[in-house]
Amino acid sequence: MRVGIVAQRGNARAAYLAADIRETLQAEDVEVLLDAATAESLDEAGHDVGEFVDCDLVVSIGGDGTFLYAAHGAGSTPVLGVNLGEVGFLNAVAPSEAIEAVRREVERYHEEGSVKYREIPRIQAEGDQEWSLTPALNEVVVQGPQRGHGQGLSIEVRIDGSLYMGGQADGVLVTTPTGSTAYNLSEGGPLLQPGVGTFVVNGMASEDGMPPLAVRTDSEITIRVDDADEAVISSDGSSQQRVYLPEVVRLSRAPEPARVAGPESDFFQALNKLE
């Protein structure tokens, strides 16, 4: 079995816990890969997180941001999240329980051939100018190079070919249920309970004034942008693409979902961190 470990960058506590998990697993003849930053802090050989797609389990130690980073590299490999503070929406395992939680999944793998996981939908973004982004676990944002008065775009949003929103706006945000608690919430969008089968289309400072719209995850969302030199499309705030305008951005449910291992966090308890 092969396990990848990603620890929050610059967090000594996360690095020490990563070292403890690695030592425990190696004693049980499990191959362990550390991400490059964590390995450097421990004076060990490291690996690009993109290599973790070939692991059987990935362990993320930190906050939701670390989990997103790990999940991007993991692809369809299950990720187990360990939180280092408040319970997050993706990190349900406390540090004191981390080693036992990982060992439990390793034992399950040896007994059943796989770890236990649940699937979470992701959003795929691609454009007419022949580009695509890493699928988003939280959200895809389409916006101008800057926000604010006079910095927006002319947008046209269609859902399965039918016009929903048009006119000037700072941009458009499309979120999964997982990402509803993040950027979407700050833009006035609704919270979505995990497991709800919808995406949310949310105009950002839209002159159209249309409210956020929940759509089926099998919907095709097209966003035509114009009246600016360029636009920026981002996936989970990290993977980005700059395009010259006009451009048409197509969003749909990604073929491969994210897979989350370990216990499920209490959604309503995790909401406390938003207060």
Protein backbone atom coordinates (compact mmCIF):
# COMPACT_ATOMS: atom_id res chain seq x y z
CA MET A 1 0.00 0.00 0.00
CA ARG A 2 1.15 3.55 -0.73
CA VAL A 3 0.11 6.56 1.38
CA GLY A 4 0.83 10.21 0.58
CA ILE A 5 1.01 12.85 3.31
CA VAL A 6 0.51 16.60 2.81
CA ALA A 7 1.06 18.89 5.80
CA GLN A 8 0.15 22.56 6.08
CA ARG A 9 3.07 24.59 4.77
CA GLY A 10 5.08 26.41 7.45
CA ASN A 11 3.27 24.66 10.32
CA ALA A 12 5.74 22.79 12.55
CA ARG A 13 2.96 20.97 14.39
CA ALA A 14 1.63 19.63 11.10
CA ALA A 15 5.10 18.51 10.03
CA TYR A 16 5.74 16.68 13.33
CA LEU A 17 2.41 14.88 13.05
CA ALA A 18 3.26 13.93 9.48
CA ALA A 19 6.53 12.47 10.73
CA ASP A 20 4.72 10.46 13.44
CA ILE A 21 2.21 9.06 10.93
CA ARG A 22 4.99 8.19 8.50
CA GLU A 23 6.97 6.37 11.21
CA THR A 24 3.90 4.38 12.27
CA LEU A 25 3.06 3.35 8.71
CA GLN A 26 6.60 2.45 7.75
CA ALA A 27 6.73 0.09 10.73
CA GLU A 28 3.77 -1.67 9.12
CA ASP A 29 5.49 -1.95 5.71
CA VAL A 30 3.46 0.85 4.11
CA GLU A 31 5.22 2.99 1.51
CA VAL A 32 4.91 6.66 2.52
CA LEU A 33 5.37 9.72 0.29
CA LEU A 34 5.74 13.22 1.75
CA ASP A 35 4.93 16.35 -0.23
CA ALA A 36 8.00 18.42 -1.10
CA ALA A 37 7.48 21.22 1.46
CA THR A 38 6.84 18.83 4.33
CA ALA A 39 9.80 16.67 3.36
CA GLU A 40 12.08 19.71 3.26
CA SER A 41 11.06 20.73 6.79
CA LEU A 42 11.92 17.20 7.97
CA ASP A 43 15.14 17.01 5.91
CA GLU A 44 13.75 14.12 3.88
CA ALA A 45 13.20 13.37 0.20
CA GLY A 46 9.90 14.73 -1.06
CA HIS A 47 7.50 14.34 -3.96
CA ASP A 48 5.36 16.61 -6.07
CA VAL A 49 1.77 16.43 -4.85
CA GLY A 50 0.72 15.50 -8.38
CA GLU A 51 2.38 12.11 -7.87
CA PHE A 52 -0.14 11.29 -5.15
CA VAL A 53 -2.67 10.29 -7.80
CA ASP A 54 -0.85 6.92 -7.72
CA CYS A 55 -1.36 6.49 -3.96
CA ASP A 56 -4.05 4.40 -2.31
CA LEU A 57 -4.74 7.04 0.36
CA VAL A 58 -3.66 10.65 0.91
CA VAL A 59 -3.58 12.24 4.37
CA SER A 60 -4.05 16.02 4.60
CA ILE A 61 -2.93 17.71 7.84
CA GLY A 62 -4.07 21.32 8.32
CA GLY A 63 -7.14 23.29 7.29
CA ASP A 64 -9.54 23.22 4.37
CA GLY A 65 -6.96 24.98 2.17
CA THR A 66 -4.46 22.16 2.72
CA PHE A 67 -7.17 19.64 1.93
CA LEU A 68 -7.98 21.38 -1.37
CA TYR A 69 -4.29 21.39 -2.29
CA ALA A 70 -3.99 17.70 -1.46
CA ALA A 71 -7.19 16.84 -3.32
CA HIS A 72 -5.98 18.58 -6.49
CA GLY A 73 -2.90 16.37 -6.52
CA ALA A 74 -4.71 13.24 -5.43
CA GLY A 75 -7.18 13.15 -8.31
CA SER A 76 -9.57 10.30 -7.53
CA THR A 77 -7.45 8.95 -4.64
CA PRO A 78 -9.33 9.20 -1.30
CA VAL A 79 -8.11 11.98 1.02
CA LEU A 80 -8.37 11.79 4.80
CA GLY A 81 -8.39 15.21 6.47
CA VAL A 82 -6.82 15.94 9.87
CA ASN A 83 -7.73 19.31 11.37
CA LEU A 84 -5.27 21.31 13.46
CA GLY A 85 -7.80 23.70 14.96
CA GLU A 86 -11.54 24.01 14.65
CA VAL A 87 -13.39 21.19 12.93
CA GLY A 88 -13.48 21.99 9.23
CA PHE A 89 -15.95 21.00 6.55
CA LEU A 90 -13.45 18.57 5.05
CA ASN A 91 -11.19 17.73 8.00
CA ALA A 92 -13.08 15.61 10.52
CA VAL A 93 -10.18 13.90 12.32
CA ALA A 94 -8.63 15.48 15.42
CA PRO A 95 -4.80 15.37 15.75
CA SER A 96 -5.02 13.05 18.76
CA GLU A 97 -7.01 10.58 16.65
CA ALA A 98 -5.00 10.91 13.43
CA ILE A 99 -2.67 7.94 13.74
CA GLU A 100 -5.48 5.58 14.72
CA ALA A 101 -7.74 6.90 11.93
CA VAL A 102 -5.02 6.32 9.32
CA ARG A 103 -4.19 2.86 10.69
CA ARG A 104 -7.89 1.96 10.53
CA GLU A 105 -8.01 2.78 6.83
CA VAL A 106 -4.77 0.89 6.19
CA GLU A 107 -6.23 -2.18 7.90
CA ARG A 108 -9.41 -1.81 5.84
CA TYR A 109 -7.33 -1.63 2.66
CA HIS A 110 -5.48 -4.83 3.51
CA GLU A 111 -8.74 -6.61 4.39
CA GLU A 112 -11.03 -5.29 1.64
CA GLY A 113 -8.71 -3.95 -1.05
CA SER A 114 -9.78 -0.30 -0.66
CA VAL A 115 -10.35 2.39 1.96
CA LYS A 116 -13.79 3.69 2.89
CA TYR A 117 -14.74 6.97 1.22
CA ARG A 118 -17.62 9.16 0.10
CA GLU A 119 -17.75 10.98 -3.23
CA ILE A 120 -18.09 14.75 -3.66
CA PRO A 121 -18.84 16.35 -7.04
CA ARG A 122 -16.35 18.67 -8.69
CA ILE A 123 -16.78 21.30 -11.42
CA GLN A 124 -14.88 21.16 -14.71
CA ALA A 125 -14.15 24.43 -16.53
CA GLU A 126 -13.03 24.67 -20.15
CA GLY A 127 -13.15 27.30 -22.87
CA ASP A 128 -13.48 27.86 -26.59
CA GLN A 129 -9.82 28.90 -26.68
CA GLU A 130 -8.90 25.24 -25.99
CA TRP A 131 -7.98 25.34 -22.31
CA SER A 132 -9.23 23.53 -19.22
CA LEU A 133 -8.59 23.81 -15.49
CA THR A 134 -8.06 21.30 -12.73
CA PRO A 135 -11.57 20.32 -11.55
CA ALA A 136 -12.79 22.44 -8.62
CA LEU A 137 -13.89 20.93 -5.33
CA ASN A 138 -15.14 24.31 -4.05
CA GLU A 139 -15.84 26.74 -6.88
CA VAL A 140 -14.97 28.14 -10.28
CA VAL A 141 -14.84 31.94 -10.62
CA VAL A 142 -14.99 33.88 -13.89
CA GLN A 143 -14.11 37.58 -13.48
CA GLY A 144 -12.23 40.52 -14.90
CA PRO A 145 -8.59 41.19 -13.99
CA GLN A 146 -9.81 43.50 -11.20
CA ARG A 147 -13.01 44.02 -9.26
CA GLY A 148 -14.85 47.28 -8.67
CA HIS A 149 -16.70 50.00 -10.55
CA GLY A 150 -15.63 50.14 -14.19
CA GLN A 151 -13.59 46.92 -13.90
CA GLY A 152 -16.29 44.38 -14.68
CA LEU A 153 -17.34 42.39 -17.70
CA SER A 154 -20.30 41.97 -19.96
CA ILE A 155 -21.63 38.52 -19.12
CA GLU A 156 -24.27 36.17 -20.45
CA VAL A 157 -25.06 33.08 -18.38
CA ARG A 158 -27.06 30.20 -19.86
CA ILE A 159 -28.25 27.03 -18.14
CA ASP A 160 -28.71 24.15 -20.59
CA GLY A 161 -28.98 26.74 -23.35
CA SER A 162 -31.60 28.98 -21.66
CA LEU A 163 -30.60 32.53 -20.74
CA TYR A 164 -30.50 33.14 -16.99
CA MET A 165 -28.42 36.28 -16.45
CA GLY A 166 -26.96 39.02 -18.62
CA GLY A 167 -25.36 42.47 -18.43
CA GLN A 168 -22.45 43.98 -16.51
CA ALA A 169 -20.99 42.24 -13.47
CA ASP A 170 -17.71 41.80 -11.65
CA GLY A 171 -17.97 38.14 -12.55
CA VAL A 172 -19.75 34.86 -11.96
CA LEU A 173 -19.10 32.22 -9.32
CA VAL A 174 -20.26 28.61 -9.63
CA THR A 175 -19.97 26.51 -6.49
CA THR A 176 -20.42 22.93 -5.34
CA PRO A 177 -22.22 22.11 -2.08
CA THR A 178 -18.79 21.74 -0.47
CA GLY A 179 -17.77 25.23 -1.61
CA SER A 180 -21.00 26.92 -0.56
CA THR A 181 -19.43 27.82 2.80
CA ALA A 182 -16.47 29.58 1.20
CA TYR A 183 -16.31 32.33 -1.48
CA ASN A 184 -19.95 31.78 -2.37
CA LEU A 185 -21.08 32.72 1.13
CA SER A 186 -19.11 35.97 1.07
CA GLU A 187 -20.87 36.85 -2.19
CA GLY A 188 -24.31 36.44 -0.62
CA GLY A 189 -24.91 32.90 -1.84
CA PRO A 190 -26.75 30.22 0.14
CA LEU A 191 -25.35 27.46 2.30
CA LEU A 192 -25.89 23.98 0.89
CA GLN A 193 -25.99 20.92 3.10
CA PRO A 194 -23.56 18.19 1.94
CA GLY A 195 -25.21 15.64 -0.29
CA VAL A 196 -27.59 18.12 -1.92
CA GLY A 197 -27.36 17.45 -5.65
CA THR A 198 -26.99 21.01 -6.88
CA PHE A 199 -24.47 23.62 -7.95
CA VAL A 200 -25.06 27.33 -7.29
CA VAL A 201 -24.63 30.02 -9.98
CA ASN A 202 -23.93 33.34 -8.26
CA GLY A 203 -23.47 36.66 -10.04
CA MET A 204 -20.85 38.94 -8.45
CA ALA A 205 -22.07 42.54 -8.17
CA SER A 206 -24.33 41.94 -11.14
CA GLU A 207 -26.32 44.85 -12.54
CA ASP A 208 -28.89 42.29 -13.66
CA GLY A 209 -29.83 41.77 -10.00
CA MET A 210 -30.76 38.11 -10.46
CA PRO A 211 -30.43 36.08 -7.24
CA PRO A 212 -28.14 33.06 -6.90
CA LEU A 213 -29.59 30.03 -8.66
CA ALA A 214 -29.36 26.36 -7.62
CA VAL A 215 -29.08 24.07 -10.65
CA ARG A 216 -28.81 20.31 -11.09
CA THR A 217 -25.25 19.00 -11.11
CA ASP A 218 -25.87 17.49 -14.55
CA SER A 219 -26.66 20.95 -16.00
CA GLU A 220 -24.35 22.57 -18.53
CA ILE A 221 -23.53 26.14 -17.58
CA THR A 222 -22.12 28.45 -20.24
CA ILE A 223 -20.76 31.92 -19.48
CA ARG A 224 -19.98 34.29 -22.34
CA VAL A 225 -17.73 37.20 -21.33
CA ASP A 226 -16.91 40.33 -23.33
CA ASP A 227 -16.28 44.11 -23.10
CA ALA A 228 -12.88 43.89 -21.39
CA ASP A 229 -9.36 43.08 -22.54
CA GLU A 230 -9.20 39.81 -20.66
CA ALA A 231 -10.82 37.63 -18.02
CA VAL A 232 -9.44 35.35 -15.32
CA ILE A 233 -10.95 31.94 -14.65
CA SER A 234 -9.87 30.19 -11.46
CA SER A 235 -10.53 26.79 -9.92
CA ASP A 236 -10.52 26.77 -6.10
CA GLY A 237 -8.48 29.99 -6.17
CA SER A 238 -5.32 28.22 -7.34
CA SER A 239 -5.47 26.81 -10.87
CA GLN A 240 -5.98 29.84 -13.15
CA GLN A 241 -6.39 30.70 -16.81
CA ARG A 242 -6.23 34.19 -18.37
CA VAL A 243 -8.10 34.56 -21.64
CA TYR A 244 -8.57 37.31 -24.20
CA LEU A 245 -12.16 38.34 -24.83
CA PRO A 246 -14.67 37.49 -26.09
CA GLU A 247 -14.63 33.97 -24.69
CA VAL A 248 -17.17 31.30 -23.78
CA VAL A 249 -16.56 29.31 -20.58
CA ARG A 250 -18.30 25.96 -20.23
CA LEU A 251 -18.86 24.48 -16.77
CA SER A 252 -20.12 20.97 -16.01
CA ARG A 253 -19.82 18.23 -13.47
CA ALA A 254 -16.36 16.68 -13.68
CA PRO A 255 -16.26 13.00 -14.71
CA GLU A 256 -14.20 12.10 -11.61
CA PRO A 257 -15.51 13.18 -8.19
CA ALA A 258 -13.29 13.93 -5.22
CA ARG A 259 -13.15 11.12 -2.68
CA VAL A 260 -13.05 11.85 1.04
CA ALA A 261 -11.90 9.13 3.43
CA GLY A 262 -12.44 8.79 7.16
CA PRO A 263 -15.33 9.97 9.33
CA GLU A 264 -17.70 12.67 8.12
CA SER A 265 -17.63 16.00 9.95
CA ASP A 266 -20.76 17.36 11.62
CA PHE A 267 -21.85 20.02 9.12
CA PHE A 268 -23.75 22.07 11.67
CA GLN A 269 -20.91 21.95 14.19
CA ALA A 270 -18.48 23.05 11.49
CA LEU A 271 -20.73 26.02 10.74
CA ASN A 272 -19.67 27.44 14.12
CA LYS A 273 -16.35 28.46 12.60
CA LEU A 274 -18.22 30.91 10.32
CA GLU A 275 -19.46 32.97 13.27
